[in-house]
N, C-alpha and C. Protein backbone atom coordinates (compact mmCIF):
# COMPACT_ATOMS: atom_id res chain seq x y z
N LYS A 1 0.80 -1.20 0.05
CA LYS A 1 -0.04 -0.03 -0.03
C LYS A 1 0.85 1.30 0.01
N GLN A 2 1.87 1.22 0.89
CA GLN A 2 2.70 2.48 0.97
C GLN A 2 3.41 2.74 -0.35
N LEU A 3 3.97 1.71 -1.04
CA LEU A 3 4.57 1.95 -2.26
C LEU A 3 3.58 2.44 -3.35
N THR A 4 2.40 1.90 -3.34
CA THR A 4 1.42 2.33 -4.29
C THR A 4 1.13 3.82 -4.07
N TRP A 5 1.04 4.25 -2.88
CA TRP A 5 0.78 5.64 -2.50
C TRP A 5 1.98 6.47 -2.97
N LEU A 6 3.18 6.04 -2.54
CA LEU A 6 4.37 6.75 -2.96
C LEU A 6 4.49 6.93 -4.44
N ASN A 7 4.23 5.83 -5.22
CA ASN A 7 4.24 5.86 -6.66
C ASN A 7 3.32 6.96 -7.28
N GLY A 8 2.15 7.11 -6.64
CA GLY A 8 1.21 8.14 -7.07
C GLY A 8 1.57 9.55 -6.74
N LYS A 9 2.53 9.66 -5.79
CA LYS A 9 2.95 11.04 -5.33
C LYS A 9 4.17 11.51 -6.15
N ILE A 10 4.89 10.71 -6.71
CA ILE A 10 6.13 11.11 -7.51
C ILE A 10 5.71 11.44 -8.93
N PRO A 11 5.87 12.73 -9.30
CA PRO A 11 5.43 13.21 -10.63
C PRO A 11 6.22 12.38 -11.73
N GLU A 12 5.56 12.08 -12.79
CA GLU A 12 6.22 11.27 -13.80
C GLU A 12 7.40 12.01 -14.45
N SER A 13 7.39 13.28 -14.42
CA SER A 13 8.41 14.03 -15.04
C SER A 13 9.56 14.46 -14.06
N ALA A 14 9.39 14.16 -12.80
CA ALA A 14 10.43 14.59 -11.77
C ALA A 14 11.55 13.72 -11.61
N LYS A 15 12.74 14.24 -11.48
CA LYS A 15 13.97 13.43 -11.06
C LYS A 15 13.89 13.01 -9.65
N TYR A 16 13.34 13.84 -8.88
CA TYR A 16 13.33 13.66 -7.38
C TYR A 16 11.91 13.54 -6.94
N MET A 17 11.74 13.22 -5.70
CA MET A 17 10.39 13.03 -5.20
C MET A 17 9.44 14.31 -5.24
N VAL A 18 10.08 15.42 -4.84
CA VAL A 18 9.19 16.62 -4.67
C VAL A 18 9.32 17.57 -5.85
N ASN A 19 10.52 17.78 -6.39
CA ASN A 19 10.68 18.70 -7.48
C ASN A 19 12.04 18.49 -8.11
N ASP A 20 12.71 19.42 -8.65
CA ASP A 20 13.94 19.22 -9.31
C ASP A 20 15.17 19.35 -8.42
N LYS A 21 15.02 19.30 -7.14
CA LYS A 21 16.06 19.32 -6.22
C LYS A 21 16.02 18.16 -5.20
N ILE A 22 17.07 17.70 -4.73
CA ILE A 22 17.08 16.67 -3.72
C ILE A 22 16.52 17.33 -2.37
N THR A 23 15.56 16.56 -1.78
CA THR A 23 14.95 17.08 -0.59
C THR A 23 15.12 15.93 0.58
N LEU A 24 14.71 16.26 1.75
CA LEU A 24 14.72 15.22 2.83
C LEU A 24 13.95 13.99 2.44
N ALA A 25 12.96 14.11 1.66
CA ALA A 25 12.11 13.00 1.17
C ALA A 25 12.96 11.95 0.48
N ASP A 26 13.85 12.47 -0.48
CA ASP A 26 14.68 11.60 -1.17
C ASP A 26 15.74 10.94 -0.31
N MET A 27 16.26 11.69 0.68
CA MET A 27 17.32 11.19 1.49
C MET A 27 16.72 10.20 2.50
N THR A 28 15.43 10.29 2.89
CA THR A 28 14.79 9.38 3.77
C THR A 28 14.39 8.16 3.08
N TRP A 29 13.76 8.26 1.88
CA TRP A 29 13.21 7.08 1.21
C TRP A 29 14.29 6.19 0.58
N PHE A 30 15.37 6.78 0.13
CA PHE A 30 16.43 6.07 -0.54
C PHE A 30 16.94 4.90 0.27
N PRO A 31 17.43 5.15 1.48
CA PRO A 31 17.90 4.06 2.31
C PRO A 31 16.84 2.96 2.59
N THR A 32 15.55 3.41 2.69
CA THR A 32 14.44 2.43 2.80
C THR A 32 14.35 1.57 1.64
N MET A 33 14.49 2.13 0.38
CA MET A 33 14.40 1.35 -0.83
C MET A 33 15.54 0.40 -0.97
N VAL A 34 16.75 0.86 -0.50
CA VAL A 34 17.91 -0.09 -0.57
C VAL A 34 17.59 -1.26 0.22
N PHE A 35 17.09 -1.04 1.49
CA PHE A 35 16.75 -2.16 2.35
C PHE A 35 15.72 -2.97 1.75
N MET A 36 14.68 -2.43 1.12
CA MET A 36 13.68 -3.20 0.51
C MET A 36 14.17 -4.02 -0.64
N GLU A 37 15.08 -3.39 -1.44
CA GLU A 37 15.64 -4.06 -2.61
C GLU A 37 16.41 -5.29 -2.10
N TYR A 38 17.09 -5.16 -1.05
CA TYR A 38 17.88 -6.35 -0.49
C TYR A 38 16.86 -7.40 0.15
N LEU A 39 16.03 -6.90 0.93
CA LEU A 39 15.16 -7.89 1.70
C LEU A 39 14.07 -8.55 0.92
N LEU A 40 13.37 -7.84 0.11
CA LEU A 40 12.10 -8.50 -0.48
C LEU A 40 12.43 -9.49 -1.50
N PRO A 41 13.36 -9.34 -2.41
CA PRO A 41 13.68 -10.39 -3.33
C PRO A 41 14.28 -11.61 -2.68
N HIS A 42 15.15 -11.32 -1.68
CA HIS A 42 15.83 -12.47 -0.98
C HIS A 42 14.94 -13.27 -0.10
N ASN A 43 13.96 -12.65 0.48
CA ASN A 43 13.22 -13.28 1.56
C ASN A 43 11.67 -13.49 1.15
N PHE A 44 11.15 -12.64 0.28
CA PHE A 44 9.71 -12.80 0.01
C PHE A 44 9.36 -13.02 -1.46
N GLY A 45 10.45 -13.26 -2.28
CA GLY A 45 10.27 -13.61 -3.66
C GLY A 45 9.76 -12.47 -4.53
N TRP A 46 9.97 -11.31 -4.10
CA TRP A 46 9.48 -10.15 -4.97
C TRP A 46 10.40 -10.15 -6.25
N ASP A 47 9.81 -9.79 -7.33
CA ASP A 47 10.56 -9.60 -8.56
C ASP A 47 11.52 -8.38 -8.55
N LYS A 48 12.73 -8.56 -8.84
CA LYS A 48 13.67 -7.52 -8.80
C LYS A 48 13.29 -6.40 -9.86
N ASN A 49 12.50 -6.75 -10.76
CA ASN A 49 12.01 -5.79 -11.81
C ASN A 49 11.35 -4.57 -11.13
N MET A 50 10.78 -4.80 -10.04
CA MET A 50 10.00 -3.72 -9.30
C MET A 50 10.94 -2.61 -8.99
N PHE A 51 12.29 -2.82 -8.90
CA PHE A 51 13.25 -1.79 -8.56
C PHE A 51 13.88 -1.23 -9.78
N GLU A 52 13.72 -1.83 -10.91
CA GLU A 52 14.46 -1.49 -12.14
C GLU A 52 13.58 -1.05 -13.29
N SER A 53 12.42 -1.57 -13.51
CA SER A 53 11.67 -1.28 -14.74
C SER A 53 10.82 -0.01 -14.51
N THR A 54 11.12 1.00 -15.48
CA THR A 54 10.44 2.26 -15.44
C THR A 54 9.20 2.20 -16.39
N ASP A 55 8.78 1.10 -16.90
CA ASP A 55 7.71 1.00 -17.81
C ASP A 55 6.46 0.69 -16.99
N PRO A 56 5.49 1.58 -16.99
CA PRO A 56 4.29 1.29 -16.23
C PRO A 56 3.40 0.14 -16.74
N LYS A 57 3.61 -0.30 -17.92
CA LYS A 57 2.93 -1.48 -18.53
C LYS A 57 3.47 -2.74 -17.77
N VAL A 58 4.67 -2.70 -17.37
CA VAL A 58 5.39 -3.89 -16.73
C VAL A 58 5.45 -3.68 -15.20
N ASN A 59 5.53 -2.50 -14.73
CA ASN A 59 5.75 -2.29 -13.33
C ASN A 59 4.82 -1.30 -12.82
N PRO A 60 3.84 -1.66 -11.91
CA PRO A 60 2.99 -0.75 -11.41
C PRO A 60 3.56 0.27 -10.51
N LEU A 61 4.80 0.12 -10.15
CA LEU A 61 5.53 1.11 -9.36
C LEU A 61 6.62 1.86 -10.18
N ALA A 62 6.34 2.07 -11.38
CA ALA A 62 7.32 2.64 -12.31
C ALA A 62 7.85 4.01 -11.94
N ASN A 63 7.11 4.87 -11.34
CA ASN A 63 7.57 6.15 -10.88
C ASN A 63 8.58 5.96 -9.77
N VAL A 64 8.32 5.08 -8.84
CA VAL A 64 9.33 4.77 -7.78
C VAL A 64 10.62 4.18 -8.40
N ALA A 65 10.47 3.31 -9.34
CA ALA A 65 11.64 2.65 -9.93
C ALA A 65 12.43 3.71 -10.68
N ARG A 66 11.76 4.63 -11.46
CA ARG A 66 12.50 5.64 -12.17
C ARG A 66 13.21 6.60 -11.19
N TRP A 67 12.59 7.01 -10.08
CA TRP A 67 13.18 7.80 -9.08
C TRP A 67 14.42 7.06 -8.57
N TYR A 68 14.19 5.88 -8.11
CA TYR A 68 15.30 5.06 -7.43
C TYR A 68 16.52 4.86 -8.46
N THR A 69 16.20 4.59 -9.67
CA THR A 69 17.27 4.36 -10.70
C THR A 69 18.02 5.66 -10.85
N HIS A 70 17.25 6.78 -11.00
CA HIS A 70 18.03 8.07 -11.18
C HIS A 70 18.93 8.33 -9.99
N LEU A 71 18.47 8.15 -8.78
CA LEU A 71 19.38 8.43 -7.63
C LEU A 71 20.60 7.53 -7.60
N GLN A 72 20.44 6.35 -7.98
CA GLN A 72 21.56 5.48 -8.07
C GLN A 72 22.67 5.82 -9.05
N GLU A 73 22.32 6.73 -9.98
CA GLU A 73 23.32 7.24 -10.90
C GLU A 73 24.20 8.30 -10.31
N LEU A 74 23.75 8.85 -9.12
CA LEU A 74 24.51 9.90 -8.45
C LEU A 74 25.63 9.37 -7.53
N PRO A 75 26.80 9.79 -7.61
CA PRO A 75 27.86 9.22 -6.81
C PRO A 75 27.62 9.12 -5.27
N GLU A 76 27.07 10.16 -4.78
CA GLU A 76 26.74 10.18 -3.32
C GLU A 76 25.83 9.08 -2.92
N PHE A 77 24.81 8.86 -3.76
CA PHE A 77 23.86 7.83 -3.48
C PHE A 77 24.38 6.46 -3.77
N GLN A 78 25.23 6.35 -4.75
CA GLN A 78 25.93 5.01 -5.06
C GLN A 78 26.68 4.55 -3.75
N LYS A 79 27.38 5.56 -3.17
CA LYS A 79 28.16 5.24 -1.95
C LYS A 79 27.29 4.77 -0.77
N VAL A 80 26.19 5.56 -0.61
CA VAL A 80 25.21 5.21 0.47
C VAL A 80 24.68 3.74 0.26
N LYS A 81 24.22 3.59 -1.00
CA LYS A 81 23.66 2.30 -1.34
C LYS A 81 24.62 1.12 -1.03
N GLN A 82 25.91 1.28 -1.42
CA GLN A 82 26.89 0.28 -1.18
C GLN A 82 27.13 -0.02 0.28
N GLN A 83 27.05 1.10 1.11
CA GLN A 83 27.30 0.90 2.57
C GLN A 83 26.05 0.22 3.20
N ILE A 84 24.87 0.61 2.78
CA ILE A 84 23.71 -0.07 3.36
C ILE A 84 23.60 -1.50 2.96
N TRP A 85 23.84 -1.70 1.58
CA TRP A 85 23.69 -3.08 0.99
C TRP A 85 24.76 -4.03 1.79
N ASN A 86 25.90 -3.54 1.97
CA ASN A 86 27.02 -4.30 2.56
C ASN A 86 26.58 -4.64 4.01
N HIS A 87 25.95 -3.75 4.74
CA HIS A 87 25.52 -3.95 6.09
C HIS A 87 24.45 -5.08 6.11
N TRP A 88 23.45 -5.00 5.24
CA TRP A 88 22.45 -6.05 5.25
C TRP A 88 22.95 -7.39 4.76
N ALA A 89 23.86 -7.37 3.82
CA ALA A 89 24.54 -8.66 3.42
C ALA A 89 25.27 -9.28 4.62
N LYS A 90 26.00 -8.44 5.42
CA LYS A 90 26.69 -9.00 6.54
C LYS A 90 25.71 -9.52 7.56
N MET A 91 24.58 -8.77 7.83
CA MET A 91 23.63 -9.20 8.74
C MET A 91 22.96 -10.49 8.29
N ASP A 92 22.75 -10.57 7.02
CA ASP A 92 22.12 -11.77 6.42
C ASP A 92 23.04 -12.97 6.66
N GLU A 93 24.32 -12.77 6.37
CA GLU A 93 25.31 -13.85 6.49
C GLU A 93 25.32 -14.30 7.97
N ALA A 94 25.11 -13.36 8.95
CA ALA A 94 25.18 -13.73 10.30
C ALA A 94 23.82 -14.43 10.77
N GLY A 95 22.92 -14.54 9.91
CA GLY A 95 21.65 -15.23 10.22
C GLY A 95 20.49 -14.36 10.62
N MET A 96 20.51 -13.10 10.42
CA MET A 96 19.49 -12.20 10.87
C MET A 96 18.08 -12.56 10.19
N PHE A 97 18.12 -12.91 8.98
CA PHE A 97 16.87 -13.14 8.15
C PHE A 97 16.51 -14.56 8.18
N LYS A 98 17.20 -15.51 8.85
CA LYS A 98 16.96 -16.92 8.82
C LYS A 98 15.60 -17.17 9.44
N PRO A 99 15.24 -16.60 10.64
CA PRO A 99 13.87 -16.87 11.15
C PRO A 99 12.80 -16.48 10.14
N ILE A 100 12.98 -15.41 9.45
CA ILE A 100 11.90 -14.97 8.45
C ILE A 100 11.81 -16.05 7.36
N ARG A 101 12.98 -16.50 6.86
CA ARG A 101 12.82 -17.51 5.86
C ARG A 101 12.21 -18.78 6.37
N GLU A 102 12.54 -19.17 7.58
CA GLU A 102 11.99 -20.42 8.10
C GLU A 102 10.38 -20.26 8.27
N GLU A 103 10.06 -19.11 8.85
CA GLU A 103 8.56 -18.87 8.98
C GLU A 103 7.81 -18.86 7.73
N GLU A 104 8.47 -18.26 6.70
CA GLU A 104 7.81 -18.20 5.45
C GLU A 104 7.58 -19.63 4.78
N VAL A 105 8.59 -20.49 5.03
CA VAL A 105 8.43 -21.91 4.53
C VAL A 105 7.28 -22.57 5.30
N LYS A 106 7.13 -22.33 6.56
CA LYS A 106 6.04 -22.93 7.38
C LYS A 106 4.68 -22.49 7.00
N ASP A 107 4.53 -21.21 6.69
CA ASP A 107 3.22 -20.58 6.43
C ASP A 107 3.31 -19.73 5.25
N GLN A 108 2.80 -20.34 4.09
CA GLN A 108 2.91 -19.65 2.81
C GLN A 108 2.06 -18.41 2.66
N SER A 109 1.19 -18.18 3.67
CA SER A 109 0.39 -16.90 3.59
C SER A 109 1.21 -15.72 3.83
N TYR A 110 2.49 -15.90 4.28
CA TYR A 110 3.43 -14.81 4.53
C TYR A 110 4.03 -14.24 3.28
N LYS A 111 3.69 -14.86 2.07
CA LYS A 111 4.24 -14.36 0.88
C LYS A 111 3.64 -13.02 0.62
N TRP A 112 4.60 -12.06 0.48
CA TRP A 112 4.19 -10.71 0.17
C TRP A 112 4.07 -10.50 -1.39
N VAL A 113 3.16 -9.78 -1.78
CA VAL A 113 3.06 -9.41 -3.21
C VAL A 113 2.96 -7.91 -3.33
N TYR A 114 3.34 -7.42 -4.46
CA TYR A 114 3.10 -6.01 -4.75
C TYR A 114 2.14 -5.91 -5.88
N PRO A 115 1.62 -4.74 -6.00
CA PRO A 115 0.47 -4.53 -6.98
C PRO A 115 0.74 -5.11 -8.33
């Protein structure tokens, strides 16, 4: 629900969430998206296409994907993404997400889907 809401708030022509400048909204949502990009495909079977495809015919969250893809082209955001991704990979290796995966196997109703 939140991603569908967010997708509707990002203008199709905007590079950033609010306007043509980076705002706190971009800086807040970007780390959240990195976490989601790591967690959801690895643990809940989400299609990685959700984070990459900017075609609304293929991805119902195309505005979010376009925004996220654009920010990843900026060196500052590339560095932040790498730091966050490495953290979650390390935590994953240490077993942080193991209980989630085990629970998901026991109860298939925990499968999350996106629009």
